[in-house]
Protein backbone atom coordinates (compact mmCIF):
# COMPACT_ATOMS: atom_id res chain seq x y z
CA MET A 1 46.73 -14.90 0.94
CA ARG A 2 44.80 -12.23 3.39
CA THR A 3 44.44 -9.95 0.32
CA LEU A 4 42.65 -12.62 -1.89
CA LEU A 5 40.36 -13.85 1.30
CA PHE A 6 39.29 -10.21 1.62
CA ALA A 7 38.27 -9.46 -2.02
CA LEU A 8 36.35 -13.48 -1.69
CA ILE A 9 34.45 -12.04 1.42
CA SER A 10 34.23 -8.73 -0.23
CA ILE A 11 32.83 -10.23 -3.65
CA CYS A 12 30.10 -12.68 -1.45
CA ALA A 13 29.06 -9.71 0.76
CA SER A 14 28.40 -7.61 -1.86
CA SER A 15 25.97 -10.08 -3.58
CA PHE A 16 23.68 -9.75 -0.88
CA ALA A 17 22.44 -6.10 -0.30
CA ASP A 18 21.39 -6.43 3.41
CA VAL A 19 17.63 -5.10 4.07
CA THR A 20 18.30 -3.07 7.46
CA PHE A 21 15.52 -1.19 9.63
CA THR A 22 16.50 1.69 12.17
CA GLU A 23 14.19 3.32 14.49
CA GLN A 24 14.20 7.35 14.25
CA PRO A 25 11.72 9.84 15.82
CA GLY A 26 8.07 9.21 14.71
CA ARG A 27 9.15 6.69 11.92
CA VAL A 28 11.16 3.39 10.93
CA ARG A 29 13.89 3.88 7.95
CA VAL A 30 13.87 1.07 5.84
CA GLU A 31 16.73 0.57 3.68
CA ILE A 32 18.20 -2.22 1.04
CA GLY A 33 21.79 -2.13 0.56
CA GLY A 34 22.13 1.29 2.47
CA GLN A 35 19.90 3.01 0.46
CA LEU A 36 16.47 4.35 1.32
CA PHE A 37 13.31 2.18 0.46
CA THR A 38 10.52 3.42 2.65
CA GLU A 39 9.91 4.43 5.79
CA TYR A 40 7.09 3.71 8.44
CA HIS A 41 5.38 6.95 9.98
CA TYR A 42 3.56 6.70 12.93
CA ASP A 43 3.14 10.26 14.67
CA ASP A 44 2.55 12.85 12.05
CA ALA A 45 -0.90 12.23 10.85
CA PRO A 46 -4.13 10.46 11.89
CA ARG A 47 -2.98 7.18 10.23
CA VAL A 48 0.02 5.39 9.95
CA TYR A 49 1.74 5.31 6.45
CA TYR A 50 4.85 4.63 4.22
CA TRP A 51 6.74 7.07 2.55
CA PRO A 52 8.69 7.43 0.27
CA LEU A 53 8.62 4.44 -1.68
CA MET A 54 11.51 4.10 -3.80
CA GLY A 55 11.70 1.87 -6.78
CA PRO A 56 14.63 0.67 -8.74
CA GLY A 57 17.87 3.41 -9.01
CA GLY A 58 16.43 5.31 -6.11
CA VAL A 59 13.22 6.70 -8.12
CA LYS A 60 10.23 7.92 -5.94
CA MET A 61 7.44 5.91 -6.92
CA THR A 62 4.71 7.39 -5.02
CA ARG A 63 3.23 11.32 -4.60
CA SER A 64 4.84 13.50 -2.16
CA TYR A 65 1.87 15.50 -1.16
CA PRO A 66 0.90 16.05 1.37
CA MET A 67 4.14 15.07 3.46
CA GLU A 68 5.93 17.76 1.05
CA ASN A 69 5.24 19.99 -1.34
CA ALA A 70 7.06 19.20 -4.09
CA GLU A 71 6.79 20.85 -7.73
CA ASN A 72 4.04 19.60 -10.37
CA GLU A 73 1.85 17.55 -7.78
CA GLU A 74 -1.72 18.14 -7.44
CA HIS A 75 -2.94 19.01 -3.67
CA ASP A 76 -6.11 16.96 -3.74
CA HIS A 77 -7.41 14.21 -1.45
CA LEU A 78 -5.09 14.82 1.72
CA HIS A 79 -5.40 11.18 2.85
CA HIS A 80 -3.85 9.80 0.08
CA ARG A 81 -0.47 9.51 2.06
CA SER A 82 1.60 7.61 -0.40
CA LEU A 83 1.18 3.49 0.75
CA TRP A 84 -1.74 3.23 3.44
CA PHE A 85 -4.03 1.07 4.85
CA SER A 86 -7.59 2.21 6.13
CA HIS A 87 -11.36 1.98 5.62
CA GLY A 88 -14.12 4.24 5.11
CA SER A 89 -16.65 2.58 7.38
CA VAL A 90 -15.65 0.56 10.28
CA ASN A 91 -18.85 0.44 12.52
CA GLY A 92 -20.39 3.27 10.43
CA MET A 93 -16.85 5.40 11.62
CA ASP A 94 -14.46 6.97 8.75
CA PHE A 95 -11.14 5.82 8.85
CA TRP A 96 -10.00 6.77 5.53
CA THR A 97 -10.58 10.47 5.03
CA GLU A 98 -8.99 13.46 7.10
CA ASP A 99 -10.41 16.58 8.21
CA PRO A 100 -7.62 19.00 8.71
CA GLU A 101 -10.13 21.88 9.77
CA HIS A 102 -12.07 19.61 12.60
CA LYS A 103 -15.10 20.69 11.16
CA ARG A 104 -16.65 17.32 11.95
CA THR A 105 -17.42 16.36 14.86
CA GLY A 106 -19.32 13.71 17.21
CA LYS A 107 -20.15 10.66 15.30
CA ASN A 108 -19.37 12.13 11.95
CA ALA A 109 -15.73 12.81 12.81
CA PRO A 110 -13.15 10.65 11.29
CA GLY A 111 -11.11 8.09 13.30
CA THR A 112 -7.42 7.66 13.70
CA ILE A 113 -5.29 4.77 13.31
CA LYS A 114 -2.34 4.85 15.76
CA HIS A 115 0.92 3.61 16.18
CA VAL A 116 1.23 1.34 19.59
CA LYS A 117 4.44 -0.64 19.40
CA ILE A 118 7.10 -2.50 17.27
CA LEU A 119 6.53 -5.76 17.79
CA ALA A 120 9.56 -7.26 15.53
CA LYS A 121 12.63 -5.64 13.58
CA GLU A 122 14.71 -8.49 11.58
CA ASN A 123 17.35 -7.53 9.70
CA GLY A 124 18.60 -9.61 6.66
CA ALA A 125 20.72 -10.63 3.73
CA LYS A 126 17.96 -11.77 1.38
CA PHE A 127 14.87 -10.34 3.14
CA GLY A 128 13.96 -8.10 6.49
CA VAL A 129 10.74 -7.91 8.36
CA LEU A 130 9.00 -5.28 10.20
CA GLN A 131 5.87 -6.02 12.49
CA THR A 132 4.12 -3.37 14.48
CA GLU A 133 0.93 -2.72 16.40
CA GLN A 134 -1.91 -0.39 15.64
CA LYS A 135 -5.06 0.69 17.46
CA TRP A 136 -8.15 2.08 15.51
CA MET A 137 -9.40 4.69 17.83
CA ALA A 138 -13.06 5.97 17.21
CA PRO A 139 -14.02 9.64 17.97
CA ASP A 140 -15.02 9.16 21.59
CA GLY A 141 -11.68 7.39 22.31
CA THR A 142 -12.76 3.58 21.98
CA VAL A 143 -10.76 1.10 20.32
CA PRO A 144 -13.19 -1.23 18.24
CA LEU A 145 -10.46 -2.74 16.46
CA ARG A 146 -6.51 -3.41 16.51
CA SER A 147 -3.92 -4.32 13.67
CA VAL A 148 -0.83 -5.67 13.21
CA GLN A 149 0.98 -4.89 10.02
CA THR A 150 3.66 -7.10 8.68
CA LEU A 151 6.14 -5.33 6.21
CA ARG A 152 8.43 -8.15 4.34
CA VAL A 153 11.06 -6.53 2.12
CA TYR A 154 13.33 -8.36 -0.25
CA ASP A 155 16.71 -7.42 -1.81
CA GLY A 156 16.88 -8.87 -5.37
CA PRO A 157 17.93 -7.19 -8.69
CA SER A 158 18.82 -3.57 -9.02
CA THR A 159 15.88 -3.50 -11.65
CA GLU A 160 13.02 -4.22 -9.41
CA ARG A 161 11.97 -3.99 -6.00
CA VAL A 162 9.85 -6.33 -4.20
CA PHE A 163 7.92 -6.56 -0.85
CA ASP A 164 5.03 -8.05 1.28
CA PHE A 165 2.17 -6.42 3.04
CA GLU A 166 -0.14 -8.54 5.74
CA ILE A 167 -2.24 -7.31 8.02
CA ALA A 168 -4.17 -8.82 11.11
CA LEU A 169 -7.10 -6.83 11.82
CA ILE A 170 -8.26 -7.85 15.47
CA ALA A 171 -11.97 -7.04 16.58
CA GLY A 172 -12.27 -5.70 20.38
CA ASP A 173 -14.85 -6.68 22.70
CA LYS A 174 -17.90 -5.87 20.22
CA ASP A 175 -18.58 -7.26 16.67
CA VAL A 176 -16.73 -4.95 13.69
CA VAL A 177 -18.61 -3.92 10.82
CA PHE A 178 -16.70 -3.15 7.33
CA GLY A 179 -19.04 -1.57 5.81
CA ASP A 180 -19.86 -1.46 1.89
CA THR A 181 -17.85 1.48 0.42
CA LYS A 182 -15.61 2.13 -2.16
CA GLU A 183 -13.47 4.07 0.22
CA GLY A 184 -10.91 1.61 0.73
CA THR A 185 -8.38 -0.17 1.77
CA PHE A 186 -5.12 -0.97 1.16
CA ALA A 187 -4.16 1.79 -1.31
CA MET A 188 -1.45 3.57 -2.91
CA ARG A 189 -1.05 7.24 -4.41
CA ILE A 190 1.42 6.61 -7.47
CA ALA A 191 3.96 9.57 -9.15
CA GLU A 192 1.98 12.23 -10.66
CA SER A 193 4.34 11.77 -14.23
CA MET A 194 2.44 8.06 -14.62
CA ARG A 195 -1.33 9.07 -14.07
CA LEU A 196 -3.44 8.37 -17.05
CA VAL A 197 -4.99 11.53 -17.21
CA GLN A 198 -3.07 14.79 -15.86
CA PRO A 199 -4.79 17.83 -14.41
CA LYS A 200 -5.91 20.14 -16.96
CA GLY A 201 -3.61 22.25 -18.47
CA LYS A 202 -0.56 19.68 -17.96
CA GLY A 203 -0.81 17.44 -21.26
CA GLU A 204 -1.86 14.20 -21.68
CA GLY A 205 -1.38 11.39 -19.56
CA ARG A 206 0.90 8.34 -20.45
CA GLY A 207 0.01 5.85 -17.96
CA SER A 208 -1.65 2.77 -18.38
CA ILE A 209 -3.52 0.08 -16.33
CA VAL A 210 -4.01 -3.29 -16.68
CA ASN A 211 -5.52 -6.35 -14.71
CA SER A 212 -5.03 -10.06 -14.12
CA GLU A 213 -8.32 -10.39 -16.61
CA GLY A 214 -7.30 -8.12 -19.59
CA ALA A 215 -9.57 -5.06 -18.40
CA LYS A 216 -7.50 -1.94 -19.53
CA ASP A 217 -7.56 1.71 -17.96
CA ALA A 218 -10.74 2.80 -16.93
CA LYS A 219 -12.63 -0.42 -17.43
CA ALA A 220 -10.32 -1.80 -14.83
CA TRP A 221 -11.75 0.23 -11.57
CA GLY A 222 -14.31 -1.78 -9.59
CA GLN A 223 -13.58 -4.89 -11.33
CA ARG A 224 -12.37 -8.02 -9.52
CA ALA A 225 -8.80 -9.33 -10.56
CA ASN A 226 -5.91 -11.39 -8.98
CA TRP A 227 -3.62 -8.33 -9.85
CA VAL A 228 -3.55 -4.82 -11.10
CA ALA A 229 -0.37 -3.32 -12.81
CA MET A 230 -0.09 0.64 -13.21
CA SER A 231 2.53 1.47 -15.70
CA GLY A 232 4.19 4.97 -16.87
CA PRO A 233 7.09 7.22 -17.18
CA ILE A 234 9.08 8.61 -14.17
CA GLY A 235 11.57 10.80 -16.04
CA GLU A 236 13.30 8.79 -18.83
CA LYS A 237 12.34 5.59 -18.01
CA ASN A 238 9.05 3.66 -17.42
CA TYR A 239 8.36 1.68 -14.65
CA THR A 240 5.15 -0.95 -13.43
CA ILE A 241 3.81 -1.13 -10.19
CA THR A 242 2.41 -4.79 -10.08
CA PHE A 243 0.04 -4.90 -7.07
CA LEU A 244 -1.11 -8.68 -6.14
CA SER A 245 -3.91 -10.07 -4.02
CA HIS A 246 -3.15 -13.58 -2.35
CA PRO A 247 -5.92 -16.07 -3.41
CA SER A 248 -6.23 -17.05 0.21
CA ASN A 249 -7.79 -13.44 0.71
CA LEU A 250 -11.46 -12.65 1.68
CA ARG A 251 -13.59 -12.63 -1.58
CA ALA A 252 -10.73 -13.21 -3.47
CA PRO A 253 -10.21 -12.43 -6.35
CA GLN A 254 -11.01 -8.79 -4.64
CA ARG A 255 -12.50 -5.51 -6.08
CA TRP A 256 -10.20 -2.55 -7.03
CA HIS A 257 -10.61 0.93 -6.70
CA ALA A 258 -8.17 2.03 -9.52
CA ARG A 259 -8.27 5.46 -10.70
CA ASP A 260 -6.89 7.24 -13.60
CA TYR A 261 -5.52 10.25 -11.66
CA GLY A 262 -2.94 7.82 -9.76
CA LEU A 263 -5.12 6.13 -6.65
CA PHE A 264 -4.50 2.38 -6.30
CA ALA A 265 -6.00 0.53 -4.18
CA VAL A 266 -7.83 -3.11 -3.27
CA ASN A 267 -10.59 -3.45 -1.60
CA PRO A 268 -11.95 -6.40 0.07
CA PHE A 269 -15.33 -4.94 1.55
CA CYS A 270 -17.17 -3.19 -1.51
CA GLU A 271 -19.59 -4.60 -3.67
CA HIS A 272 -22.67 -2.37 -3.99
CA ASP A 273 -20.54 0.51 -4.23
CA MET A 274 -18.87 -0.85 -7.43
CA ASN A 275 -21.64 -2.66 -8.78
CA LYS A 276 -24.70 -1.08 -8.25
CA SER A 277 -27.17 -3.87 -9.49
CA GLN A 278 -26.12 -5.63 -6.05
CA PRO A 279 -28.33 -4.54 -3.05
CA LYS A 280 -27.20 -2.22 -0.57
CA ASP A 281 -24.50 -3.19 1.89
CA THR A 282 -24.07 -6.58 0.03
CA GLY A 283 -20.05 -6.12 0.82
CA ASN A 284 -20.53 -5.69 4.79
CA TYR A 285 -18.19 -7.78 6.40
CA THR A 286 -18.62 -8.43 10.13
CA LEU A 287 -15.47 -9.73 12.54
CA LYS A 288 -16.87 -11.17 15.39
CA THR A 289 -15.60 -10.22 19.21
CA GLY A 290 -12.01 -11.51 19.48
CA GLU A 291 -11.72 -12.50 15.89
CA THR A 292 -8.86 -12.07 13.50
CA LEU A 293 -8.88 -11.31 9.70
CA THR A 294 -5.77 -11.76 8.02
CA LEU A 295 -5.00 -9.98 4.56
CA LYS A 296 -2.28 -10.62 2.23
CA TYR A 297 -0.96 -8.43 -0.62
CA ARG A 298 2.82 -8.12 -2.70
CA ILE A 299 3.98 -5.25 -4.64
CA ALA A 300 6.46 -5.64 -7.57
CA ILE A 301 7.98 -2.36 -8.69
CA THR A 302 10.29 -3.09 -11.91
CA GLU A 303 11.70 -1.15 -14.87
CA GLY A 304 9.51 -1.40 -18.24
CA ASP A 305 6.45 -1.89 -19.15
CA ALA A 306 3.41 -4.55 -18.08
CA ALA A 307 4.57 -6.73 -20.28
CA ALA A 308 8.17 -7.10 -19.13
CA ALA A 309 6.88 -7.30 -15.44
CA LYS A 310 5.44 -10.46 -16.30
CA CYS A 311 2.40 -9.88 -13.86
CA ALA A 312 0.69 -13.31 -14.35
CA GLU A 313 3.81 -15.28 -13.61
CA ARG A 314 4.51 -13.49 -10.40
CA PHE A 315 1.34 -14.12 -9.32
CA ALA A 316 1.54 -17.69 -10.14
CA GLU A 317 4.68 -17.89 -7.82
CA TYR A 318 3.26 -15.64 -5.30
CA ALA A 319 0.06 -17.97 -5.14
CA LYS A 320 2.18 -20.79 -4.16
């Protein structure tokens, strides 16, 4: 009887792969069923980020550079750190790009997004939640903006990984203007092999892009959509990353900074910079003193192409 009872307990326990969070120096490790899913990094770069991002079967879905000098990766866009949230114009300051040589000084210097503290760390059998606070520091040391990032990671079938990302942007003692620029905002840099266009001399790209409106590849850039899916090979298998924007978000459906070289970003603060027929600064958004703007997104990583990912069905479920 003891043996049978132990076997039944083991079967029940194994049906749910616990989502756990473990604090380590400068980062928080996120595991699903004891296997690495991602890490929240907060003390080795000008802004917080999540890296690596592991897909089904432990496949690395995002580029390793600049965190590691992996083989067969381009060393462009230093600020493309796997998965991150930032923006290129916050009260005129650049929180998007990085300046490793510190050539930009004064008002032209880039801002930094610094980790403040962990607000919640909840392990769970079906999902887990990590909530963290950040301060957006201007070059002069002032803090025009704070943010709270909430990462909700789900357990699920072995052929997929799903997580929600929510961010609350909180203005300080002055109004905050998010400027109209394509340089933003919630973004990821996908694995090099999934690119639509490979670097010169490295063969043809085998990736593809499609959005909720049916726009494909380069035609998806700058367009409004409820979701965008990037598909392509990693090793012997094809994978799809479906990036969904919640319909309650500001200016939904939002515009997408989806590039053929692997940048994959959704941007609620861009109009003119992606549609020159509109007046300059049309996309500006002012967050009044003390007010909060909350944005919600979901990312699903699945095996197979975009059709197999059932993107429209996933959006309908998420919208509920």
